[in-house]
Amino acid sequence: MSKKILIIEDETALLYALQSQLAVSGYQPLAADDGEKALKILEKEKPNAIILDIILPKMDGWAFLKKIKSGEKTKNIPVIIVSNLSDEASQARGIELGAKDYLVKTNYTISELVDKIKELTK
Protein backbone atom coordinates (compact mmCIF):
# COMPACT_ATOMS: atom_id res chain seq x y z
CA MET A 1 0.00 0.00 0.00
CA SER A 2 1.57 3.28 -1.06
CA LYS A 3 1.85 6.08 1.45
CA LYS A 4 -0.45 9.07 0.97
CA ILE A 5 0.98 12.58 0.91
CA LEU A 6 -1.36 15.57 1.06
CA ILE A 7 0.01 18.55 -0.88
CA ILE A 8 -1.55 21.92 -0.09
CA GLU A 9 -0.26 24.40 -2.67
CA ASP A 10 -2.06 27.09 -4.70
CA GLU A 11 0.67 27.48 -7.32
CA THR A 12 -0.67 25.11 -10.01
CA ALA A 13 2.64 24.33 -11.74
CA LEU A 14 4.34 23.46 -8.45
CA LEU A 15 1.35 21.41 -7.30
CA TYR A 16 1.42 19.32 -10.50
CA ALA A 17 5.20 18.92 -10.34
CA LEU A 18 5.02 17.71 -6.74
CA GLN A 19 2.16 15.32 -7.53
CA SER A 20 4.09 13.89 -10.47
CA GLN A 21 7.38 13.49 -8.57
CA LEU A 22 5.66 11.87 -5.58
CA ALA A 23 3.73 9.46 -7.83
CA VAL A 24 6.93 8.46 -9.64
CA SER A 25 8.53 7.90 -6.21
CA GLY A 26 5.80 5.46 -5.23
CA TYR A 27 3.53 7.72 -3.17
CA GLN A 28 -0.16 8.42 -3.59
CA PRO A 29 -0.42 12.21 -3.80
CA LEU A 30 -3.57 13.98 -2.60
CA ALA A 31 -3.92 17.64 -3.61
CA ALA A 32 -5.68 20.78 -2.43
CA ASP A 33 -5.16 24.38 -3.52
CA ASP A 34 -6.44 25.93 -0.27
CA GLY A 35 -6.75 25.06 3.42
CA GLU A 36 -10.51 24.51 3.33
CA LYS A 37 -10.27 21.88 0.57
CA ALA A 38 -7.43 20.22 2.49
CA LEU A 39 -9.61 19.93 5.61
CA LYS A 40 -12.32 18.23 3.52
CA ILE A 41 -9.75 15.72 2.25
CA LEU A 42 -8.67 15.04 5.84
CA GLU A 43 -12.26 14.11 6.73
CA LYS A 44 -11.99 11.15 4.31
CA GLU A 45 -8.26 10.37 4.13
CA LYS A 46 -5.41 9.96 6.62
CA PRO A 47 -2.21 10.95 4.83
CA ASN A 48 1.20 9.81 6.06
CA ALA A 49 2.51 13.37 5.70
CA ILE A 50 1.46 16.84 4.58
CA ILE A 51 3.33 19.36 2.42
CA LEU A 52 1.93 22.77 3.35
CA ASP A 53 2.27 26.18 1.73
CA ILE A 54 1.57 29.16 4.01
CA ILE A 55 0.16 31.77 1.64
CA LEU A 56 -3.10 30.20 0.47
CA PRO A 57 -6.58 31.44 -0.45
CA LYS A 58 -9.57 30.97 1.90
CA MET A 59 -7.59 29.50 4.83
CA ASP A 60 -3.88 30.17 5.10
CA GLY A 61 -1.30 27.61 6.17
CA TRP A 62 -1.01 29.00 9.71
CA ALA A 63 -4.73 28.55 10.38
CA PHE A 64 -4.69 25.10 8.76
CA LEU A 65 -1.68 23.98 10.83
CA LYS A 66 -3.25 25.20 14.09
CA LYS A 67 -6.48 23.40 13.25
CA ILE A 68 -4.95 20.03 12.43
CA LYS A 69 -2.50 20.11 15.36
CA SER A 70 -5.44 20.64 17.74
CA GLY A 71 -7.46 17.77 16.21
CA GLU A 72 -7.25 14.34 17.83
CA LYS A 73 -7.26 12.44 14.49
CA THR A 74 -4.81 14.77 12.72
CA LYS A 75 -2.37 16.05 15.35
CA ASN A 76 0.27 13.36 14.71
CA ILE A 77 0.44 13.73 10.92
CA PRO A 78 3.91 15.12 10.12
CA VAL A 79 3.85 18.45 8.26
CA ILE A 80 6.59 20.00 6.13
CA ILE A 81 6.01 23.67 5.41
CA VAL A 82 7.22 24.73 1.95
CA SER A 83 6.87 28.48 1.58
CA ASN A 84 8.30 31.60 0.00
CA LEU A 85 8.29 33.23 3.46
CA SER A 86 11.98 33.06 4.24
CA ASP A 87 12.20 35.19 7.38
CA GLU A 88 13.34 33.58 10.63
CA ALA A 89 10.15 34.58 12.47
CA SER A 90 7.98 32.61 10.00
CA GLN A 91 10.28 29.62 10.21
CA ALA A 92 10.25 29.68 14.02
CA ARG A 93 6.46 30.06 14.04
CA GLY A 94 6.05 27.02 11.76
CA ILE A 95 8.11 24.81 14.06
CA GLU A 96 6.37 26.19 17.18
CA LEU A 97 2.98 25.34 15.63
CA GLY A 98 4.08 21.75 15.13
CA ALA A 99 5.66 21.47 11.67
CA LYS A 100 8.49 18.93 11.44
CA ASP A 101 10.42 21.06 8.97
CA TYR A 102 10.24 24.42 7.21
CA LEU A 103 11.68 24.70 3.72
CA VAL A 104 12.01 27.91 1.72
CA LYS A 105 10.85 27.14 -1.85
CA THR A 106 13.78 28.81 -3.58
CA ASN A 107 16.31 26.78 -1.56
CA TYR A 108 15.06 23.28 -2.45
CA THR A 109 14.45 21.24 -5.58
CA ILE A 110 11.41 19.00 -5.88
CA SER A 111 13.58 15.89 -5.65
CA GLU A 112 15.16 17.20 -2.41
CA LEU A 113 11.66 17.73 -1.04
CA VAL A 114 10.71 14.15 -1.98
CA ASP A 115 13.84 12.97 -0.13
CA LYS A 116 12.61 14.86 2.96
CA ILE A 117 9.24 13.11 2.63
CA LYS A 118 11.01 9.73 2.40
CA GLU A 119 12.87 10.48 5.64
CA LEU A 120 9.70 11.62 7.35
CA THR A 121 7.59 8.62 6.34
CA LYS A 122 10.07 5.80 7.07
C-alpha atoms as a PDB file:
ATOM      1  CA  MET A   1       0.000   0.000   0.000  1.00  0.00           C
ATOM      2  CA  SER A   2       1.572   3.280  -1.062  1.00  0.00           C
ATOM      3  CA  LYS A   3       1.848   6.084   1.453  1.00  0.00           C
ATOM      4  CA  LYS A   4      -0.448   9.067   0.970  1.00  0.00           C
ATOM      5  CA  ILE A   5       0.982  12.578   0.911  1.00  0.00           C
ATOM      6  CA  LEU A   6      -1.358  15.567   1.057  1.00  0.00           C
ATOM      7  CA  ILE A   7       0.013  18.548  -0.884  1.00  0.00           C
ATOM      8  CA  ILE A   8      -1.549  21.921  -0.089  1.00  0.00           C
ATOM      9  CA  GLU A   9      -0.260  24.396  -2.668  1.00  0.00           C
ATOM     10  CA  ASP A  10      -2.065  27.093  -4.695  1.00  0.00           C
ATOM     11  CA  GLU A  11       0.673  27.477  -7.321  1.00  0.00           C
ATOM     12  CA  THR A  12      -0.670  25.106 -10.006  1.00  0.00           C
ATOM     13  CA  ALA A  13       2.640  24.333 -11.740  1.00  0.00           C
ATOM     14  CA  LEU A  14       4.338  23.461  -8.453  1.00  0.00           C
ATOM     15  CA  LEU A  15       1.350  21.411  -7.299  1.00  0.00           C
ATOM     16  CA  TYR A  16       1.417  19.319 -10.502  1.00  0.00           C
ATOM     17  CA  ALA A  17       5.196  18.922 -10.345  1.00  0.00           C
ATOM     18  CA  LEU A  18       5.020  17.713  -6.736  1.00  0.00           C
ATOM     19  CA  GLN A  19       2.162  15.323  -7.532  1.00  0.00           C
ATOM     20  CA  SER A  20       4.093  13.890 -10.470  1.00  0.00           C
ATOM     21  CA  GLN A  21       7.380  13.487  -8.574  1.00  0.00           C
ATOM     22  CA  LEU A  22       5.663  11.872  -5.578  1.00  0.00           C
ATOM     23  CA  ALA A  23       3.730   9.461  -7.826  1.00  0.00           C
ATOM     24  CA  VAL A  24       6.934   8.458  -9.639  1.00  0.00           C
ATOM     25  CA  SER A  25       8.534   7.902  -6.214  1.00  0.00           C
ATOM     26  CA  GLY A  26       5.802   5.464  -5.228  1.00  0.00           C
ATOM     27  CA  TYR A  27       3.528   7.719  -3.170  1.00  0.00           C
ATOM     28  CA  GLN A  28      -0.158   8.416  -3.586  1.00  0.00           C
ATOM     29  CA  PRO A  29      -0.424  12.214  -3.800  1.00  0.00           C
ATOM     30  CA  LEU A  30      -3.572  13.985  -2.605  1.00  0.00           C
ATOM     31  CA  ALA A  31      -3.916  17.637  -3.614  1.00  0.00           C
ATOM     32  CA  ALA A  32      -5.678  20.783  -2.435  1.00  0.00           C
ATOM     33  CA  ASP A  33      -5.155  24.381  -3.517  1.00  0.00           C
ATOM     34  CA  ASP A  34      -6.437  25.931  -0.267  1.00  0.00           C
ATOM     35  CA  GLY A  35      -6.750  25.058   3.424  1.00  0.00           C
ATOM     36  CA  GLU A  36     -10.509  24.512   3.331  1.00  0.00           C
ATOM     37  CA  LYS A  37     -10.265  21.878   0.575  1.00  0.00           C
ATOM     38  CA  ALA A  38      -7.434  20.222   2.489  1.00  0.00           C
ATOM     39  CA  LEU A  39      -9.608  19.926   5.613  1.00  0.00           C
ATOM     40  CA  LYS A  40     -12.315  18.235   3.517  1.00  0.00           C
ATOM     41  CA  ILE A  41      -9.745  15.725   2.247  1.00  0.00           C
ATOM     42  CA  LEU A  42      -8.668  15.037   5.844  1.00  0.00           C
ATOM     43  CA  GLU A  43     -12.257  14.108   6.731  1.00  0.00           C
ATOM     44  CA  LYS A  44     -11.986  11.149   4.306  1.00  0.00           C
ATOM     45  CA  GLU A  45      -8.259  10.372   4.132  1.00  0.00           C
ATOM     46  CA  LYS A  46      -5.406   9.962   6.617  1.00  0.00           C
ATOM     47  CA  PRO A  47      -2.210  10.952   4.835  1.00  0.00           C
ATOM     48  CA  ASN A  48       1.204   9.808   6.065  1.00  0.00           C
ATOM     49  CA  ALA A  49       2.513  13.368   5.703  1.00  0.00           C
ATOM     50  CA  ILE A  50       1.461  16.845   4.579  1.00  0.00           C
ATOM     51  CA  ILE A  51       3.331  19.364   2.418  1.00  0.00           C
ATOM     52  CA  LEU A  52       1.932  22.769   3.351  1.00  0.00           C
ATOM     53  CA  ASP A  53       2.274  26.185   1.735  1.00  0.00           C
ATOM     54  CA  ILE A  54       1.572  29.159   4.012  1.00  0.00           C
ATOM     55  CA  ILE A  55       0.165  31.773   1.640  1.00  0.00           C
ATOM     56  CA  LEU A  56      -3.105  30.201   0.471  1.00  0.00           C
ATOM     57  CA  PRO A  57      -6.582  31.436  -0.454  1.00  0.00           C
ATOM     58  CA  LYS A  58      -9.573  30.970   1.903  1.00  0.00           C
ATOM     59  CA  MET A  59      -7.593  29.503   4.828  1.00  0.00           C
ATOM     60  CA  ASP A  60      -3.877  30.166   5.097  1.00  0.00           C
ATOM     61  CA  GLY A  61      -1.300  27.612   6.166  1.00  0.00           C
ATOM     62  CA  TRP A  62      -1.008  28.998   9.708  1.00  0.00           C
ATOM     63  CA  ALA A  63      -4.734  28.547  10.383  1.00  0.00           C
ATOM     64  CA  PHE A  64      -4.686  25.097   8.762  1.00  0.00           C
ATOM     65  CA  LEU A  65      -1.682  23.979  10.825  1.00  0.00           C
ATOM     66  CA  LYS A  66      -3.251  25.203  14.094  1.00  0.00           C
ATOM     67  CA  LYS A  67      -6.482  23.400  13.254  1.00  0.00           C
ATOM     68  CA  ILE A  68      -4.948  20.029  12.434  1.00  0.00           C
ATOM     69  CA  LYS A  69      -2.504  20.112  15.360  1.00  0.00           C
ATOM     70  CA  SER A  70      -5.441  20.639  17.738  1.00  0.00           C
ATOM     71  CA  GLY A  71      -7.461  17.771  16.212  1.00  0.00           C
ATOM     72  CA  GLU A  72      -7.247  14.340  17.826  1.00  0.00           C
ATOM     73  CA  LYS A  73      -7.257  12.441  14.491  1.00  0.00           C
ATOM     74  CA  THR A  74      -4.810  14.767  12.721  1.00  0.00           C
ATOM     75  CA  LYS A  75      -2.369  16.053  15.350  1.00  0.00           C
ATOM     76  CA  ASN A  76       0.265  13.365  14.713  1.00  0.00           C
ATOM     77  CA  ILE A  77       0.442  13.730  10.924  1.00  0.00           C
ATOM     78  CA  PRO A  78       3.907  15.124  10.119  1.00  0.00           C
ATOM     79  CA  VAL A  79       3.855  18.446   8.263  1.00  0.00           C
ATOM     80  CA  ILE A  80       6.589  20.005   6.135  1.00  0.00           C
ATOM     81  CA  ILE A  81       6.012  23.675   5.409  1.00  0.00           C
ATOM     82  CA  VAL A  82       7.215  24.731   1.952  1.00  0.00           C
ATOM     83  CA  SER A  83       6.867  28.482   1.579  1.00  0.00           C
ATOM     84  CA  ASN A  84       8.300  31.602   0.000  1.00  0.00           C
ATOM     85  CA  LEU A  85       8.287  33.234   3.458  1.00  0.00           C
ATOM     86  CA  SER A  86      11.984  33.062   4.240  1.00  0.00           C
ATOM     87  CA  ASP A  87      12.201  35.191   7.383  1.00  0.00           C
ATOM     88  CA  GLU A  88      13.339  33.585  10.633  1.00  0.00           C
ATOM     89  CA  ALA A  89      10.149  34.577  12.466  1.00  0.00           C
ATOM     90  CA  SER A  90       7.982  32.611  10.001  1.00  0.00           C
ATOM     91  CA  GLN A  91      10.284  29.616  10.212  1.00  0.00           C
ATOM     92  CA  ALA A  92      10.247  29.683  14.025  1.00  0.00           C
ATOM     93  CA  ARG A  93       6.460  30.062  14.039  1.00  0.00           C
ATOM     94  CA  GLY A  94       6.052  27.023  11.763  1.00  0.00           C
ATOM     95  CA  ILE A  95       8.112  24.814  14.062  1.00  0.00           C
ATOM     96  CA  GLU A  96       6.365  26.193  17.181  1.00  0.00           C
ATOM     97  CA  LEU A  97       2.981  25.339  15.632  1.00  0.00           C
ATOM     98  CA  GLY A  98       4.077  21.752  15.134  1.00  0.00           C
ATOM     99  CA  ALA A  99       5.657  21.468  11.675  1.00  0.00           C
ATOM    100  CA  LYS A 100       8.489  18.926  11.440  1.00  0.00           C
ATOM    101  CA  ASP A 101      10.417  21.057   8.966  1.00  0.00           C
ATOM    102  CA  TYR A 102      10.243  24.424   7.211  1.00  0.00           C
ATOM    103  CA  LEU A 103      11.684  24.704   3.718  1.00  0.00           C
ATOM    104  CA  VAL A 104      12.011  27.907   1.717  1.00  0.00           C
ATOM    105  CA  LYS A 105      10.849  27.140  -1.850  1.00  0.00           C
ATOM    106  CA  THR A 106      13.782  28.815  -3.583  1.00  0.00           C
ATOM    107  CA  ASN A 107      16.307  26.783  -1.561  1.00  0.00           C
ATOM    108  CA  TYR A 108      15.064  23.284  -2.452  1.00  0.00           C
ATOM    109  CA  THR A 109      14.446  21.236  -5.577  1.00  0.00           C
ATOM    110  CA  ILE A 110      11.407  19.000  -5.875  1.00  0.00           C
ATOM    111  CA  SER A 111      13.581  15.890  -5.646  1.00  0.00           C
ATOM    112  CA  GLU A 112      15.155  17.200  -2.412  1.00  0.00           C
ATOM    113  CA  LEU A 113      11.657  17.733  -1.041  1.00  0.00           C
ATOM    114  CA  VAL A 114      10.710  14.153  -1.980  1.00  0.00           C
ATOM    115  CA  ASP A 115      13.841  12.973  -0.132  1.00  0.00           C
ATOM    116  CA  LYS A 116      12.612  14.858   2.959  1.00  0.00           C
ATOM    117  CA  ILE A 117       9.242  13.110   2.627  1.00  0.00           C
ATOM    118  CA  LYS A 118      11.006   9.734   2.396  1.00  0.00           C
ATOM    119  CA  GLU A 119      12.871  10.479   5.637  1.00  0.00           C
ATOM    120  CA  LEU A 120       9.703  11.621   7.349  1.00  0.00           C
ATOM    121  CA  THR A 121       7.594   8.616   6.344  1.00  0.00           C
ATOM    122  CA  LYS A 122      10.072   5.804   7.068  1.00  0.00           C
END
